[in-house]
Amino acid sequence: MTDKGDRDKWEFYQDHNEKHHKWRWRRTASNGRIVGASTQGYAEKEECIENAERNGFDRSKA
């Protein structure tokens, strides 16, 4: 038995704002629907990953 969301895809990316490039994350279900996303941008990728972990991302499975 697998946990719900085990096959979700986590994506970390930089937005393309003209003034700055902030790190963001989004979680996509196996059916292609976005089921989670960061509500703000982060200056450092590590901060972005830490926020994703508080929202269900498991770094050990990445």
N, C-alpha and C. Protein backbone atom coordinates (compact mmCIF):
# COMPACT_ATOMS: atom_id res chain seq x y z
N MET A 1 0.84 -1.18 0.00
CA MET A 1 0.00 0.00 0.00
C MET A 1 0.89 1.25 0.00
N THR A 2 0.56 2.21 -0.83
CA THR A 2 1.33 3.45 -0.88
C THR A 2 0.56 4.56 -0.19
N ASP A 3 1.30 5.50 0.33
CA ASP A 3 0.67 6.66 0.96
C ASP A 3 0.09 7.56 -0.10
N LYS A 4 -1.02 8.19 0.23
CA LYS A 4 -1.64 9.13 -0.70
C LYS A 4 -0.63 10.25 -1.01
N GLY A 5 -0.41 10.52 -2.26
CA GLY A 5 0.52 11.57 -2.66
C GLY A 5 1.94 11.10 -2.89
N ASP A 6 2.20 9.80 -2.72
CA ASP A 6 3.55 9.28 -2.92
C ASP A 6 4.06 9.51 -4.33
N ARG A 7 3.18 9.53 -5.30
CA ARG A 7 3.60 9.70 -6.69
C ARG A 7 3.55 11.15 -7.14
N ASP A 8 3.23 12.05 -6.23
CA ASP A 8 3.20 13.46 -6.59
C ASP A 8 4.59 13.93 -7.01
N LYS A 9 4.62 14.87 -7.92
CA LYS A 9 5.88 15.43 -8.41
C LYS A 9 6.08 16.79 -7.73
N TRP A 10 7.25 17.00 -7.17
CA TRP A 10 7.60 18.27 -6.55
C TRP A 10 8.56 19.00 -7.48
N GLU A 11 8.28 20.26 -7.74
CA GLU A 11 9.11 21.06 -8.65
C GLU A 11 9.57 22.32 -7.93
N PHE A 12 10.85 22.61 -8.03
CA PHE A 12 11.43 23.83 -7.47
C PHE A 12 11.94 24.66 -8.64
N TYR A 13 11.56 25.92 -8.68
CA TYR A 13 11.89 26.75 -9.83
C TYR A 13 12.02 28.21 -9.42
N GLN A 14 12.64 28.99 -10.28
CA GLN A 14 12.74 30.43 -10.05
C GLN A 14 11.70 31.13 -10.91
N ASP A 15 10.97 32.06 -10.29
CA ASP A 15 10.00 32.82 -11.07
C ASP A 15 10.75 33.83 -11.94
N HIS A 16 10.05 34.43 -12.85
CA HIS A 16 10.71 35.33 -13.80
C HIS A 16 10.17 36.74 -13.69
N ASN A 17 10.11 37.23 -12.46
CA ASN A 17 9.73 38.60 -12.22
C ASN A 17 10.85 39.51 -12.73
N GLU A 18 10.50 40.65 -13.28
CA GLU A 18 11.52 41.56 -13.84
C GLU A 18 12.48 42.07 -12.78
N LYS A 19 12.00 42.29 -11.56
CA LYS A 19 12.83 42.89 -10.52
C LYS A 19 13.68 41.87 -9.76
N HIS A 20 13.23 40.64 -9.68
CA HIS A 20 13.95 39.63 -8.91
C HIS A 20 13.57 38.23 -9.38
N HIS A 21 14.35 37.27 -9.03
CA HIS A 21 14.07 35.87 -9.35
C HIS A 21 13.99 35.10 -8.04
N LYS A 22 12.80 34.87 -7.57
CA LYS A 22 12.59 34.18 -6.30
C LYS A 22 12.33 32.69 -6.54
N TRP A 23 12.73 31.87 -5.57
CA TRP A 23 12.50 30.43 -5.63
C TRP A 23 11.08 30.11 -5.17
N ARG A 24 10.43 29.21 -5.87
CA ARG A 24 9.08 28.76 -5.54
C ARG A 24 9.00 27.24 -5.72
N TRP A 25 7.97 26.63 -5.17
CA TRP A 25 7.73 25.21 -5.37
C TRP A 25 6.28 24.99 -5.75
N ARG A 26 6.05 23.85 -6.41
CA ARG A 26 4.68 23.41 -6.67
C ARG A 26 4.65 21.89 -6.64
N ARG A 27 3.51 21.38 -6.21
CA ARG A 27 3.30 19.93 -6.09
C ARG A 27 2.21 19.53 -7.08
N THR A 28 2.51 18.57 -7.95
CA THR A 28 1.58 18.14 -8.98
C THR A 28 1.21 16.67 -8.74
N ALA A 29 -0.08 16.39 -8.73
CA ALA A 29 -0.57 15.02 -8.55
C ALA A 29 -0.32 14.21 -9.81
N SER A 30 -0.45 12.90 -9.70
CA SER A 30 -0.19 12.02 -10.83
C SER A 30 -1.16 12.26 -11.99
N ASN A 31 -2.31 12.89 -11.73
CA ASN A 31 -3.25 13.20 -12.80
C ASN A 31 -2.95 14.55 -13.47
N GLY A 32 -1.86 15.21 -13.05
CA GLY A 32 -1.44 16.46 -13.67
C GLY A 32 -1.96 17.72 -13.01
N ARG A 33 -2.80 17.58 -12.01
CA ARG A 33 -3.35 18.76 -11.32
C ARG A 33 -2.38 19.27 -10.26
N ILE A 34 -2.25 20.58 -10.18
CA ILE A 34 -1.43 21.18 -9.14
C ILE A 34 -2.23 21.12 -7.84
N VAL A 35 -1.65 20.48 -6.83
CA VAL A 35 -2.34 20.30 -5.56
C VAL A 35 -1.70 21.10 -4.43
N GLY A 36 -0.63 21.80 -4.72
CA GLY A 36 0.01 22.64 -3.72
C GLY A 36 1.04 23.54 -4.38
N ALA A 37 1.27 24.70 -3.77
CA ALA A 37 2.26 25.63 -4.31
C ALA A 37 2.66 26.61 -3.22
N SER A 38 3.87 27.14 -3.34
CA SER A 38 4.31 28.14 -2.37
C SER A 38 3.49 29.41 -2.55
N THR A 39 3.21 30.05 -1.45
CA THR A 39 2.41 31.28 -1.50
C THR A 39 3.29 32.52 -1.60
N GLN A 40 4.59 32.32 -1.48
CA GLN A 40 5.52 33.44 -1.62
C GLN A 40 6.80 32.93 -2.25
N GLY A 41 7.63 33.85 -2.69
CA GLY A 41 8.92 33.50 -3.26
C GLY A 41 10.00 33.58 -2.19
N TYR A 42 11.08 32.84 -2.38
CA TYR A 42 12.19 32.80 -1.43
C TYR A 42 13.48 33.19 -2.13
N ALA A 43 14.30 33.97 -1.43
CA ALA A 43 15.56 34.42 -2.01
C ALA A 43 16.54 33.26 -2.18
N GLU A 44 16.50 32.29 -1.25
CA GLU A 44 17.41 31.15 -1.29
C GLU A 44 16.63 29.86 -1.56
N LYS A 45 17.20 29.00 -2.38
CA LYS A 45 16.54 27.73 -2.70
C LYS A 45 16.32 26.89 -1.45
N GLU A 46 17.29 26.89 -0.54
CA GLU A 46 17.17 26.10 0.69
C GLU A 46 15.95 26.53 1.52
N GLU A 47 15.68 27.82 1.58
CA GLU A 47 14.50 28.32 2.30
C GLU A 47 13.22 27.79 1.64
N CYS A 48 13.22 27.74 0.34
CA CYS A 48 12.09 27.24 -0.42
C CYS A 48 11.86 25.75 -0.12
N ILE A 49 12.93 24.98 -0.10
CA ILE A 49 12.83 23.54 0.19
C ILE A 49 12.33 23.32 1.61
N GLU A 50 12.81 24.12 2.56
CA GLU A 50 12.36 24.00 3.94
C GLU A 50 10.86 24.28 4.04
N ASN A 51 10.37 25.25 3.30
CA ASN A 51 8.93 25.53 3.31
C ASN A 51 8.16 24.36 2.71
N ALA A 52 8.67 23.78 1.64
CA ALA A 52 8.02 22.62 1.02
C ALA A 52 7.97 21.45 2.00
N GLU A 53 9.03 21.27 2.79
CA GLU A 53 9.04 20.20 3.79
C GLU A 53 7.93 20.41 4.82
N ARG A 54 7.67 21.64 5.20
CA ARG A 54 6.57 21.93 6.15
C ARG A 54 5.22 21.64 5.52
N ASN A 55 5.20 21.47 4.20
CA ASN A 55 3.96 21.21 3.47
C ASN A 55 3.92 19.81 2.86
N GLY A 56 4.78 18.91 3.34
CA GLY A 56 4.69 17.52 2.93
C GLY A 56 5.82 16.97 2.09
N PHE A 57 6.75 17.79 1.64
CA PHE A 57 7.87 17.32 0.83
C PHE A 57 8.82 16.49 1.70
N ASP A 58 9.25 15.35 1.19
CA ASP A 58 10.19 14.48 1.90
C ASP A 58 11.50 14.46 1.13
N ARG A 59 12.48 15.20 1.64
CA ARG A 59 13.76 15.33 0.96
C ARG A 59 14.45 13.99 0.76
N SER A 60 14.22 13.04 1.67
CA SER A 60 14.89 11.74 1.56
C SER A 60 14.36 10.91 0.39
N LYS A 61 13.18 11.23 -0.12
CA LYS A 61 12.61 10.51 -1.25
C LYS A 61 12.83 11.21 -2.58
N ALA A 62 13.44 12.38 -2.51
CA ALA A 62 13.64 13.18 -3.73
C ALA A 62 14.77 12.64 -4.58
